[in-house]
Amino acid sequence: MPLLVEGRVRLPQSAGDLVRAHPPLEERARLLRGQSVQQVGPQGLLYVQQRELAVTSPKDGSISILGSDDATTCHIVVLRHTGNGATCLTHCDGTDTKAEVPLIMNSIKSFSDHAQCGRLEVHLVGGFSDDRQLSQKLTHQLLSEFDRQEDDIHLVTLCVTELNDREENENHFPIIYGIAVNIKTAEIYRASFQDRGPEEQLRAARTLAGGPMISIYDAETEQLRIGPYSWTPFPHVDFWLQQDDKQILENLSTSPLAEPPHFVEHIRSTLMFLKKYPSPTNTLFPGNKALLYKKNEDGLWEKISSPGS
């Protein structure tokens, strides 16, 4: 069954036309844009980086908030089952939307009681009216792929591309860069994050080295599982590290003018990491085992020893 809006089949429209045709969608986008940004602390937070996916439910004793930010042309997707509260948040960049949407769907279906009463609801946030129309393309891809799924999926929030755009001195910027979802209450709100860990650099390096969308959290054991990853040495890493900020912005960003202030610093540190670890398998993952983290009593991530180590 296709994507449903207010119980009706979605017509193949642009995001703007779709929202204008459905006043509740328009109102919800307006309210979300109008919120002030909340600083989300590390307690009970599971931060999701680009091309990562995390899913859990209200039964989780460790995680109460899923969140992601720094989305410029990217979109943050939240899929939730209203019956069991299973919630998936992912940060999509358009690398392989066709493969990613089934992953998102299956992550929710992996909760055994998914067949109970309730419905699947999807929320799409992010992107802006960028020059290269990358946001527009990603919006179209995501709507089309959710349309292709067998299940009924109800589109509840659409605050993407032209609906998330502001103009300043003839340059365009996103209004919302990040969101969080409260697993217990299902509230979705504008958010930014100081703590993007654990292993922020390692996870960012995997993405920059071209890794695909992966699931990072096991809700059953309440453990964050990182790796083991492998990547090939980053091409011309020394060349990129010699470039000035302008060159890095223009060549390694999808939207140079709209990036947050820390973007270049983040790219530089990730490139340094990739230079230091050209082949991570045994250096970063001893015995080729995953790095496992669990929340401690204070709600902060703590490393636990790998199984069998």
C-alpha atoms as a PDB file:
ATOM      1  CA  MET A   1       0.000   0.000   0.000  1.00  0.00           C
ATOM      2  CA  PRO A   2       1.233   3.525  -0.691  1.00  0.00           C
ATOM      3  CA  LEU A   3       2.079   6.382   1.611  1.00  0.00           C
ATOM      4  CA  LEU A   4      -1.103   7.853   3.086  1.00  0.00           C
ATOM      5  CA  VAL A   5      -1.797  11.473   3.994  1.00  0.00           C
ATOM      6  CA  GLU A   6      -4.831  12.057   6.220  1.00  0.00           C
ATOM      7  CA  GLY A   7      -5.950   8.542   5.326  1.00  0.00           C
ATOM      8  CA  ARG A   8      -5.855   9.204   1.583  1.00  0.00           C
ATOM      9  CA  VAL A   9      -3.393   8.022  -1.053  1.00  0.00           C
ATOM     10  CA  ARG A  10      -0.641  10.573  -1.683  1.00  0.00           C
ATOM     11  CA  LEU A  11      -0.709  12.196  -5.093  1.00  0.00           C
ATOM     12  CA  PRO A  12       2.674  12.507  -6.868  1.00  0.00           C
ATOM     13  CA  GLN A  13       3.244  16.150  -5.923  1.00  0.00           C
ATOM     14  CA  SER A  14       6.202  18.212  -4.788  1.00  0.00           C
ATOM     15  CA  ALA A  15       6.607  18.573  -1.020  1.00  0.00           C
ATOM     16  CA  GLY A  16       5.232  22.129  -1.172  1.00  0.00           C
ATOM     17  CA  ASP A  17       2.130  21.141  -3.161  1.00  0.00           C
ATOM     18  CA  LEU A  18       1.557  18.131  -0.916  1.00  0.00           C
ATOM     19  CA  VAL A  19       1.590  20.254   2.218  1.00  0.00           C
ATOM     20  CA  ARG A  20      -0.602  22.967   0.701  1.00  0.00           C
ATOM     21  CA  ALA A  21      -3.162  20.306  -0.208  1.00  0.00           C
ATOM     22  CA  HIS A  22      -3.262  19.036   3.391  1.00  0.00           C
ATOM     23  CA  PRO A  23      -3.667  21.825   5.983  1.00  0.00           C
ATOM     24  CA  PRO A  24      -2.773  19.592   8.990  1.00  0.00           C
ATOM     25  CA  LEU A  25       0.596  18.801   7.369  1.00  0.00           C
ATOM     26  CA  GLU A  26       1.181  22.485   6.686  1.00  0.00           C
ATOM     27  CA  GLU A  27       0.278  23.430  10.269  1.00  0.00           C
ATOM     28  CA  ARG A  28       2.555  20.764  11.733  1.00  0.00           C
ATOM     29  CA  ALA A  29       5.506  21.960   9.609  1.00  0.00           C
ATOM     30  CA  ARG A  30       4.802  25.567  10.634  1.00  0.00           C
ATOM     31  CA  LEU A  31       4.743  24.675  14.347  1.00  0.00           C
ATOM     32  CA  LEU A  32       7.976  22.682  14.097  1.00  0.00           C
ATOM     33  CA  ARG A  33       9.775  25.517  12.251  1.00  0.00           C
ATOM     34  CA  GLY A  34       8.570  27.978  14.875  1.00  0.00           C
ATOM     35  CA  GLN A  35      10.025  26.103  17.849  1.00  0.00           C
ATOM     36  CA  SER A  36      13.175  27.273  19.559  1.00  0.00           C
ATOM     37  CA  VAL A  37      16.080  24.818  19.408  1.00  0.00           C
ATOM     38  CA  GLN A  38      16.516  22.691  22.529  1.00  0.00           C
ATOM     39  CA  GLN A  39      20.015  21.746  23.664  1.00  0.00           C
ATOM     40  CA  VAL A  40      19.825  18.017  24.376  1.00  0.00           C
ATOM     41  CA  GLY A  41      22.194  16.660  27.020  1.00  0.00           C
ATOM     42  CA  PRO A  42      23.884  13.245  26.899  1.00  0.00           C
ATOM     43  CA  GLN A  43      21.717  11.518  29.533  1.00  0.00           C
ATOM     44  CA  GLY A  44      19.502   8.886  27.931  1.00  0.00           C
ATOM     45  CA  LEU A  45      20.461  10.130  24.439  1.00  0.00           C
ATOM     46  CA  LEU A  46      21.379   7.952  21.476  1.00  0.00           C
ATOM     47  CA  TYR A  47      22.919  10.251  18.857  1.00  0.00           C
ATOM     48  CA  VAL A  48      22.632   9.066  15.252  1.00  0.00           C
ATOM     49  CA  GLN A  49      25.247  10.156  12.719  1.00  0.00           C
ATOM     50  CA  GLN A  50      24.898  10.439   8.952  1.00  0.00           C
ATOM     51  CA  ARG A  51      24.122   7.079   7.311  1.00  0.00           C
ATOM     52  CA  GLU A  52      23.321   5.466  10.664  1.00  0.00           C
ATOM     53  CA  LEU A  53      20.051   4.052  11.907  1.00  0.00           C
ATOM     54  CA  ALA A  54      18.869   3.366  15.463  1.00  0.00           C
ATOM     55  CA  VAL A  55      15.640   1.781  16.653  1.00  0.00           C
ATOM     56  CA  THR A  56      14.211   1.174  20.105  1.00  0.00           C
ATOM     57  CA  SER A  57      10.927   1.264  22.017  1.00  0.00           C
ATOM     58  CA  PRO A  58       9.479   2.701  25.259  1.00  0.00           C
ATOM     59  CA  LYS A  59      10.505  -0.524  27.039  1.00  0.00           C
ATOM     60  CA  ASP A  60      14.154   0.555  26.728  1.00  0.00           C
ATOM     61  CA  GLY A  61      15.545   1.287  30.180  1.00  0.00           C
ATOM     62  CA  SER A  62      18.643   3.076  28.838  1.00  0.00           C
ATOM     63  CA  ILE A  63      17.553   5.250  25.913  1.00  0.00           C
ATOM     64  CA  SER A  64      14.774   7.821  26.068  1.00  0.00           C
ATOM     65  CA  ILE A  65      15.824  10.128  23.200  1.00  0.00           C
ATOM     66  CA  LEU A  66      17.011   9.506  19.642  1.00  0.00           C
ATOM     67  CA  GLY A  67      18.458  12.486  17.810  1.00  0.00           C
ATOM     68  CA  SER A  68      20.577  13.789  14.950  1.00  0.00           C
ATOM     69  CA  ASP A  69      21.660  17.175  13.606  1.00  0.00           C
ATOM     70  CA  ASP A  70      23.981  18.907  11.114  1.00  0.00           C
ATOM     71  CA  ALA A  71      21.567  18.020   8.297  1.00  0.00           C
ATOM     72  CA  THR A  72      21.879  20.490   5.407  1.00  0.00           C
ATOM     73  CA  THR A  73      20.788  18.695   2.229  1.00  0.00           C
ATOM     74  CA  CYS A  74      20.309  15.484   4.287  1.00  0.00           C
ATOM     75  CA  HIS A  75      16.936  14.452   5.738  1.00  0.00           C
ATOM     76  CA  ILE A  76      16.271  13.022   9.182  1.00  0.00           C
ATOM     77  CA  VAL A  77      13.611  10.295   9.068  1.00  0.00           C
ATOM     78  CA  VAL A  78      11.561   9.072  12.023  1.00  0.00           C
ATOM     79  CA  LEU A  79       9.355   6.001  11.574  1.00  0.00           C
ATOM     80  CA  ARG A  80       7.188   4.980  14.519  1.00  0.00           C
ATOM     81  CA  HIS A  81       4.609   2.283  15.245  1.00  0.00           C
ATOM     82  CA  THR A  82       1.862   3.865  17.352  1.00  0.00           C
ATOM     83  CA  GLY A  83       0.893   0.518  18.908  1.00  0.00           C
ATOM     84  CA  ASN A  84       4.131  -0.648  20.477  1.00  0.00           C
ATOM     85  CA  GLY A  85       5.963   2.692  20.288  1.00  0.00           C
ATOM     86  CA  ALA A  86       8.901   1.191  18.359  1.00  0.00           C
ATOM     87  CA  THR A  87      10.765   4.180  16.918  1.00  0.00           C
ATOM     88  CA  CYS A  88      13.501   4.376  14.299  1.00  0.00           C
ATOM     89  CA  LEU A  89      15.530   7.506  13.577  1.00  0.00           C
ATOM     90  CA  THR A  90      17.959   7.737  10.692  1.00  0.00           C
ATOM     91  CA  HIS A  91      20.015  10.426   8.944  1.00  0.00           C
ATOM     92  CA  CYS A  92      19.702   9.926   5.157  1.00  0.00           C
ATOM     93  CA  ASP A  93      21.981  11.612   2.629  1.00  0.00           C
ATOM     94  CA  GLY A  94      20.659  10.115  -0.618  1.00  0.00           C
ATOM     95  CA  THR A  95      23.519   7.640  -1.059  1.00  0.00           C
ATOM     96  CA  ASP A  96      21.198   4.668  -1.572  1.00  0.00           C
ATOM     97  CA  THR A  97      17.639   5.578  -0.580  1.00  0.00           C
ATOM     98  CA  LYS A  98      16.230   2.543  -2.383  1.00  0.00           C
ATOM     99  CA  ALA A  99      18.151   0.194  -0.059  1.00  0.00           C
ATOM    100  CA  GLU A 100      17.775   2.362   3.055  1.00  0.00           C
ATOM    101  CA  VAL A 101      13.970   2.625   3.267  1.00  0.00           C
ATOM    102  CA  PRO A 102      13.510  -1.200   3.487  1.00  0.00           C
ATOM    103  CA  LEU A 103      16.163  -1.199   6.267  1.00  0.00           C
ATOM    104  CA  ILE A 104      14.144   1.424   8.148  1.00  0.00           C
ATOM    105  CA  MET A 105      10.938  -0.599   7.660  1.00  0.00           C
ATOM    106  CA  ASN A 106      12.539  -3.877   8.769  1.00  0.00           C
ATOM    107  CA  SER A 107      14.044  -2.274  11.864  1.00  0.00           C
ATOM    108  CA  ILE A 108      10.523  -1.459  13.103  1.00  0.00           C
ATOM    109  CA  LYS A 109       9.153  -4.847  12.077  1.00  0.00           C
ATOM    110  CA  SER A 110      11.901  -6.552  14.096  1.00  0.00           C
ATOM    111  CA  PHE A 111       9.908  -5.719  17.231  1.00  0.00           C
ATOM    112  CA  SER A 112       7.879  -8.923  17.597  1.00  0.00           C
ATOM    113  CA  ASP A 113       4.601  -7.284  18.562  1.00  0.00           C
ATOM    114  CA  HIS A 114       4.495  -5.032  15.498  1.00  0.00           C
ATOM    115  CA  ALA A 115       1.256  -6.639  14.307  1.00  0.00           C
ATOM    116  CA  GLN A 116      -0.771  -5.293  17.224  1.00  0.00           C
ATOM    117  CA  CYS A 117      -3.197  -2.373  16.932  1.00  0.00           C
ATOM    118  CA  GLY A 118      -1.714   0.897  15.781  1.00  0.00           C
ATOM    119  CA  ARG A 119      -0.261   2.274  12.586  1.00  0.00           C
ATOM    120  CA  LEU A 120       3.081   3.223  11.056  1.00  0.00           C
ATOM    121  CA  GLU A 121       3.740   6.955  11.015  1.00  0.00           C
ATOM    122  CA  VAL A 122       6.615   8.667   9.232  1.00  0.00           C
ATOM    123  CA  HIS A 123       8.149  12.095   9.822  1.00  0.00           C
ATOM    124  CA  LEU A 124      10.581  13.675   7.322  1.00  0.00           C
ATOM    125  CA  VAL A 125      12.599  16.739   8.317  1.00  0.00           C
ATOM    126  CA  GLY A 126      15.563  18.526   6.721  1.00  0.00           C
ATOM    127  CA  GLY A 127      17.002  19.857   3.506  1.00  0.00           C
ATOM    128  CA  PHE A 128      16.432  23.274   1.914  1.00  0.00           C
ATOM    129  CA  SER A 129      16.219  24.912  -1.523  1.00  0.00           C
ATOM    130  CA  ASP A 130      19.853  24.256  -2.399  1.00  0.00           C
ATOM    131  CA  ASP A 131      21.379  25.268  -5.755  1.00  0.00           C
ATOM    132  CA  ARG A 132      22.097  21.710  -6.828  1.00  0.00           C
ATOM    133  CA  GLN A 133      18.566  20.559  -5.903  1.00  0.00           C
ATOM    134  CA  LEU A 134      20.013  17.675  -3.864  1.00  0.00           C
ATOM    135  CA  SER A 135      17.409  18.193  -1.110  1.00  0.00           C
ATOM    136  CA  GLN A 136      14.584  18.160  -3.650  1.00  0.00           C
ATOM    137  CA  LYS A 137      15.908  14.931  -5.140  1.00  0.00           C
ATOM    138  CA  LEU A 138      16.197  13.269  -1.713  1.00  0.00           C
ATOM    139  CA  THR A 139      12.675  14.342  -0.729  1.00  0.00           C
ATOM    140  CA  HIS A 140      11.343  12.815  -3.945  1.00  0.00           C
ATOM    141  CA  GLN A 141      13.337   9.599  -3.416  1.00  0.00           C
ATOM    142  CA  LEU A 142      12.140   9.144   0.161  1.00  0.00           C
ATOM    143  CA  LEU A 143       8.469   9.797  -0.642  1.00  0.00           C
ATOM    144  CA  SER A 144       8.658   7.443  -3.650  1.00  0.00           C
ATOM    145  CA  GLU A 145      10.355   4.640  -1.687  1.00  0.00           C
ATOM    146  CA  PHE A 146       7.920   4.832   1.238  1.00  0.00           C
ATOM    147  CA  ASP A 147       5.166   4.722  -1.401  1.00  0.00           C
ATOM    148  CA  ARG A 148       6.592   1.436  -2.695  1.00  0.00           C
ATOM    149  CA  GLN A 149       6.408  -0.408   0.640  1.00  0.00           C
ATOM    150  CA  GLU A 150       3.710  -3.035   1.182  1.00  0.00           C
ATOM    151  CA  ASP A 151       2.520  -1.596   4.493  1.00  0.00           C
ATOM    152  CA  ASP A 152       0.279   1.414   5.037  1.00  0.00           C
ATOM    153  CA  ILE A 153       2.517   4.259   6.165  1.00  0.00           C
ATOM    154  CA  HIS A 154       0.943   7.510   7.337  1.00  0.00           C
ATOM    155  CA  LEU A 155       2.861  10.700   6.530  1.00  0.00           C
ATOM    156  CA  VAL A 156       2.482  12.873   9.639  1.00  0.00           C
ATOM    157  CA  THR A 157       5.316  15.419   9.392  1.00  0.00           C
ATOM    158  CA  LEU A 158       6.793  16.852   6.195  1.00  0.00           C
ATOM    159  CA  CYS A 159       9.182  19.710   6.874  1.00  0.00           C
ATOM    160  CA  VAL A 160      11.686  19.309   4.055  1.00  0.00           C
ATOM    161  CA  THR A 161      13.384  21.218   1.224  1.00  0.00           C
ATOM    162  CA  GLU A 162      11.290  24.320   0.333  1.00  0.00           C
ATOM    163  CA  LEU A 163       9.266  23.881   3.563  1.00  0.00           C
ATOM    164  CA  ASN A 164      12.480  24.085   5.616  1.00  0.00           C
ATOM    165  CA  ASP A 165      14.082  26.952   3.713  1.00  0.00           C
ATOM    166  CA  ARG A 166      15.024  30.481   4.684  1.00  0.00           C
ATOM    167  CA  GLU A 167      16.685  33.088   2.503  1.00  0.00           C
ATOM    168  CA  GLU A 168      19.281  35.599   3.614  1.00  0.00           C
ATOM    169  CA  ASN A 169      21.178  37.926   1.234  1.00  0.00           C
ATOM    170  CA  GLU A 170      20.003  35.789  -1.691  1.00  0.00           C
ATOM    171  CA  ASN A 171      21.533  32.667  -0.110  1.00  0.00           C
ATOM    172  CA  HIS A 172      19.383  29.766   1.066  1.00  0.00           C
ATOM    173  CA  PHE A 173      19.738  27.929   4.394  1.00  0.00           C
ATOM    174  CA  PRO A 174      17.819  25.210   6.244  1.00  0.00           C
ATOM    175  CA  ILE A 175      15.669  26.402   9.133  1.00  0.00           C
ATOM    176  CA  ILE A 176      15.880  23.104  11.035  1.00  0.00           C
ATOM    177  CA  TYR A 177      19.269  21.353  11.158  1.00  0.00           C
ATOM    178  CA  GLY A 178      18.469  18.776  13.830  1.00  0.00           C
ATOM    179  CA  ILE A 179      15.639  17.013  15.641  1.00  0.00           C
ATOM    180  CA  ALA A 180      15.132  14.683  18.577  1.00  0.00           C
ATOM    181  CA  VAL A 181      12.335  12.235  19.308  1.00  0.00           C
ATOM    182  CA  ASN A 182      11.272  11.288  22.816  1.00  0.00           C
ATOM    183  CA  ILE A 183      10.736   7.511  22.736  1.00  0.00           C
ATOM    184  CA  LYS A 184       8.312   7.553  25.676  1.00  0.00           C
ATOM    185  CA  THR A 185       6.045  10.436  24.589  1.00  0.00           C
ATOM    186  CA  ALA A 186       6.622  10.366  20.772  1.00  0.00           C
ATOM    187  CA  GLU A 187       7.279  14.121  20.826  1.00  0.00           C
ATOM    188  CA  ILE A 188       9.479  15.359  17.968  1.00  0.00           C
ATOM    189  CA  TYR A 189      11.240  18.688  18.473  1.00  0.00           C
ATOM    190  CA  ARG A 190      14.037  20.901  17.129  1.00  0.00           C
ATOM    191  CA  ALA A 191      17.295  20.020  18.802  1.00  0.00           C
ATOM    192  CA  SER A 192      21.058  20.429  18.852  1.00  0.00           C
ATOM    193  CA  PHE A 193      23.604  18.227  20.585  1.00  0.00           C
ATOM    194  CA  GLN A 194      26.945  18.830  22.284  1.00  0.00           C
ATOM    195  CA  ASP A 195      27.680  15.137  22.734  1.00  0.00           C
ATOM    196  CA  ARG A 196      27.718  13.157  19.490  1.00  0.00           C
ATOM    197  CA  GLY A 197      29.540  10.137  20.872  1.00  0.00           C
ATOM    198  CA  PRO A 198      30.630   7.596  21.651  1.00  0.00           C
ATOM    199  CA  GLU A 199      33.445   7.117  19.095  1.00  0.00           C
ATOM    200  CA  GLU A 200      32.304  10.189  17.141  1.00  0.00           C
ATOM    201  CA  GLN A 201      35.436  10.326  14.957  1.00  0.00           C
ATOM    202  CA  LEU A 202      35.464   6.625  14.190  1.00  0.00           C
ATOM    203  CA  ARG A 203      31.818   6.683  13.110  1.00  0.00           C
ATOM    204  CA  ALA A 204      32.332   9.851  11.043  1.00  0.00           C
ATOM    205  CA  ALA A 205      35.371   8.259   9.374  1.00  0.00           C
ATOM    206  CA  ARG A 206      33.283   5.258   8.291  1.00  0.00           C
ATOM    207  CA  THR A 207      30.785   7.604   6.634  1.00  0.00           C
ATOM    208  CA  LEU A 208      33.412   9.782   4.926  1.00  0.00           C
ATOM    209  CA  ALA A 209      35.106   6.603   3.658  1.00  0.00           C
ATOM    210  CA  GLY A 210      31.847   5.667   1.917  1.00  0.00           C
ATOM    211  CA  GLY A 211      30.293   3.135   4.300  1.00  0.00           C
ATOM    212  CA  PRO A 212      26.619   2.205   3.718  1.00  0.00           C
ATOM    213  CA  MET A 213      23.645   2.787   6.063  1.00  0.00           C
ATOM    214  CA  ILE A 214      23.997   0.611   9.193  1.00  0.00           C
ATOM    215  CA  SER A 215      22.053  -0.090  12.366  1.00  0.00           C
ATOM    216  CA  ILE A 216      24.099   0.825  15.448  1.00  0.00           C
ATOM    217  CA  TYR A 217      21.966  -0.192  18.443  1.00  0.00           C
ATOM    218  CA  ASP A 218      20.626  -3.448  19.864  1.00  0.00           C
ATOM    219  CA  ALA A 219      17.488  -2.617  21.836  1.00  0.00           C
ATOM    220  CA  GLU A 220      17.322  -6.105  23.344  1.00  0.00           C
ATOM    221  CA  THR A 221      20.724  -5.875  25.059  1.00  0.00           C
ATOM    222  CA  GLU A 222      20.532  -2.037  25.249  1.00  0.00           C
ATOM    223  CA  GLN A 223      24.015  -1.867  23.718  1.00  0.00           C
ATOM    224  CA  LEU A 224      25.482   0.425  21.102  1.00  0.00           C
ATOM    225  CA  ARG A 225      27.547  -1.703  18.733  1.00  0.00           C
ATOM    226  CA  ILE A 226      30.289  -0.080  16.661  1.00  0.00           C
ATOM    227  CA  GLY A 227      32.049  -2.055  13.939  1.00  0.00           C
ATOM    228  CA  PRO A 228      34.094  -3.882  13.130  1.00  0.00           C
ATOM    229  CA  TYR A 229      34.496  -1.585  10.122  1.00  0.00           C
ATOM    230  CA  SER A 230      36.887  -1.796   7.227  1.00  0.00           C
ATOM    231  CA  TRP A 231      37.736   0.845   4.671  1.00  0.00           C
ATOM    232  CA  THR A 232      40.386   1.420   2.048  1.00  0.00           C
ATOM    233  CA  PRO A 233      42.880   4.293   2.501  1.00  0.00           C
ATOM    234  CA  PHE A 234      41.184   7.633   1.769  1.00  0.00           C
ATOM    235  CA  PRO A 235      42.351   8.875  -1.677  1.00  0.00           C
ATOM    236  CA  HIS A 236      44.662  11.927  -1.633  1.00  0.00           C
ATOM    237  CA  VAL A 237      44.217  12.430   2.117  1.00  0.00           C
ATOM    238  CA  ASP A 238      47.439  14.517   2.384  1.00  0.00           C
ATOM    239  CA  PHE A 239      46.302  16.741  -0.465  1.00  0.00           C
ATOM    240  CA  TRP A 240      42.973  17.439   1.257  1.00  0.00           C
ATOM    241  CA  LEU A 241      44.645  18.140   4.588  1.00  0.00           C
ATOM    242  CA  GLN A 242      46.793  20.821   2.907  1.00  0.00           C
ATOM    243  CA  GLN A 243      43.783  22.675   1.498  1.00  0.00           C
ATOM    244  CA  ASP A 244      42.385  25.829   3.088  1.00  0.00           C
ATOM    245  CA  ASP A 245      38.915  26.010   4.630  1.00  0.00           C
ATOM    246  CA  LYS A 246      37.349  27.405   1.455  1.00  0.00           C
ATOM    247  CA  GLN A 247      38.609  24.489  -0.663  1.00  0.00           C
ATOM    248  CA  ILE A 248      37.395  21.923   1.861  1.00  0.00           C
ATOM    249  CA  LEU A 249      33.979  23.575   2.035  1.00  0.00           C
ATOM    250  CA  GLU A 250      33.601  23.844  -1.730  1.00  0.00           C
ATOM    251  CA  ASN A 251      34.756  20.298  -2.480  1.00  0.00           C
ATOM    252  CA  LEU A 252      33.685  18.171   0.484  1.00  0.00           C
ATOM    253  CA  SER A 253      30.288  19.701   1.251  1.00  0.00           C
ATOM    254  CA  THR A 254      27.023  19.300  -0.629  1.00  0.00           C
ATOM    255  CA  SER A 255      26.051  22.855   0.447  1.00  0.00           C
ATOM    256  CA  PRO A 256      29.110  25.025   1.237  1.00  0.00           C
ATOM    257  CA  LEU A 257      27.206  28.166   2.275  1.00  0.00           C
ATOM    258  CA  ALA A 258      24.768  26.396   4.581  1.00  0.00           C
ATOM    259  CA  GLU A 259      27.104  24.269   6.694  1.00  0.00           C
ATOM    260  CA  PRO A 260      27.256  24.782  10.484  1.00  0.00           C
ATOM    261  CA  PRO A 261      30.374  26.642  11.741  1.00  0.00           C
ATOM    262  CA  HIS A 262      32.140  23.476  12.930  1.00  0.00           C
ATOM    263  CA  PHE A 263      31.887  21.665   9.553  1.00  0.00           C
ATOM    264  CA  VAL A 264      35.445  22.279   8.286  1.00  0.00           C
ATOM    265  CA  GLU A 265      37.010  21.437  11.657  1.00  0.00           C
ATOM    266  CA  HIS A 266      34.950  18.228  11.713  1.00  0.00           C
ATOM    267  CA  ILE A 267      36.067  17.251   8.185  1.00  0.00           C
ATOM    268  CA  ARG A 268      39.729  18.000   9.009  1.00  0.00           C
ATOM    269  CA  SER A 269      39.685  15.890  12.174  1.00  0.00           C
ATOM    270  CA  THR A 270      37.935  13.050  10.284  1.00  0.00           C
ATOM    271  CA  LEU A 271      40.568  13.206   7.507  1.00  0.00           C
ATOM    272  CA  MET A 272      43.326  13.140  10.145  1.00  0.00           C
ATOM    273  CA  PHE A 273      41.681  10.081  11.657  1.00  0.00           C
ATOM    274  CA  LEU A 274      41.515   8.356   8.253  1.00  0.00           C
ATOM    275  CA  LYS A 275      45.196   9.190   7.675  1.00  0.00           C
ATOM    276  CA  LYS A 276      46.142   7.762  11.070  1.00  0.00           C
ATOM    277  CA  TYR A 277      44.104   4.593  10.519  1.00  0.00           C
ATOM    278  CA  PRO A 278      44.243   3.771   6.787  1.00  0.00           C
ATOM    279  CA  SER A 279      43.132   0.197   7.559  1.00  0.00           C
ATOM    280  CA  PRO A 280      41.120   0.028  10.797  1.00  0.00           C
ATOM    281  CA  THR A 281      40.338  -3.663  11.076  1.00  0.00           C
ATOM    282  CA  ASN A 282      42.879  -4.750  13.697  1.00  0.00           C
ATOM    283  CA  THR A 283      44.134  -1.396  14.970  1.00  0.00           C
ATOM    284  CA  LEU A 284      40.736  -0.052  16.049  1.00  0.00           C
ATOM    285  CA  PHE A 285      38.936  -3.363  16.490  1.00  0.00           C
ATOM    286  CA  PRO A 286      41.257  -5.710  18.390  1.00  0.00           C
ATOM    287  CA  GLY A 287      40.592  -9.313  17.373  1.00  0.00           C
ATOM    288  CA  ASN A 288      38.238  -7.880  14.741  1.00  0.00           C
ATOM    289  CA  LYS A 289      35.525  -7.534  17.412  1.00  0.00           C
ATOM    290  CA  ALA A 290      32.881  -4.819  17.744  1.00  0.00           C
ATOM    291  CA  LEU A 291      33.263  -2.018  20.278  1.00  0.00           C
ATOM    292  CA  LEU A 292      30.330  -2.231  22.685  1.00  0.00           C
ATOM    293  CA  TYR A 293      28.909   0.587  24.790  1.00  0.00           C
ATOM    294  CA  LYS A 294      26.134   0.650  27.376  1.00  0.00           C
ATOM    295  CA  LYS A 295      24.584   3.491  29.374  1.00  0.00           C
ATOM    296  CA  ASN A 296      25.722   3.656  33.009  1.00  0.00           C
ATOM    297  CA  GLU A 297      23.597   4.698  36.005  1.00  0.00           C
ATOM    298  CA  ASP A 298      24.140   8.365  35.146  1.00  0.00           C
ATOM    299  CA  GLY A 299      22.741   7.790  31.628  1.00  0.00           C
ATOM    300  CA  LEU A 300      26.175   8.201  29.965  1.00  0.00           C
ATOM    301  CA  TRP A 301      27.895   5.794  27.559  1.00  0.00           C
ATOM    302  CA  GLU A 302      30.451   3.432  29.041  1.00  0.00           C
ATOM    303  CA  LYS A 303      32.624   0.990  27.117  1.00  0.00           C
ATOM    304  CA  ILE A 304      32.118  -2.670  27.972  1.00  0.00           C
ATOM    305  CA  SER A 305      34.443  -5.502  27.065  1.00  0.00           C
ATOM    306  CA  SER A 306      33.716  -7.336  23.829  1.00  0.00           C
ATOM    307  CA  PRO A 307      32.150 -10.784  24.084  1.00  0.00           C
ATOM    308  CA  GLY A 308      34.802 -13.426  24.484  1.00  0.00           C
ATOM    309  CA  SER A 309      37.551 -10.913  25.252  1.00  0.00           C
END
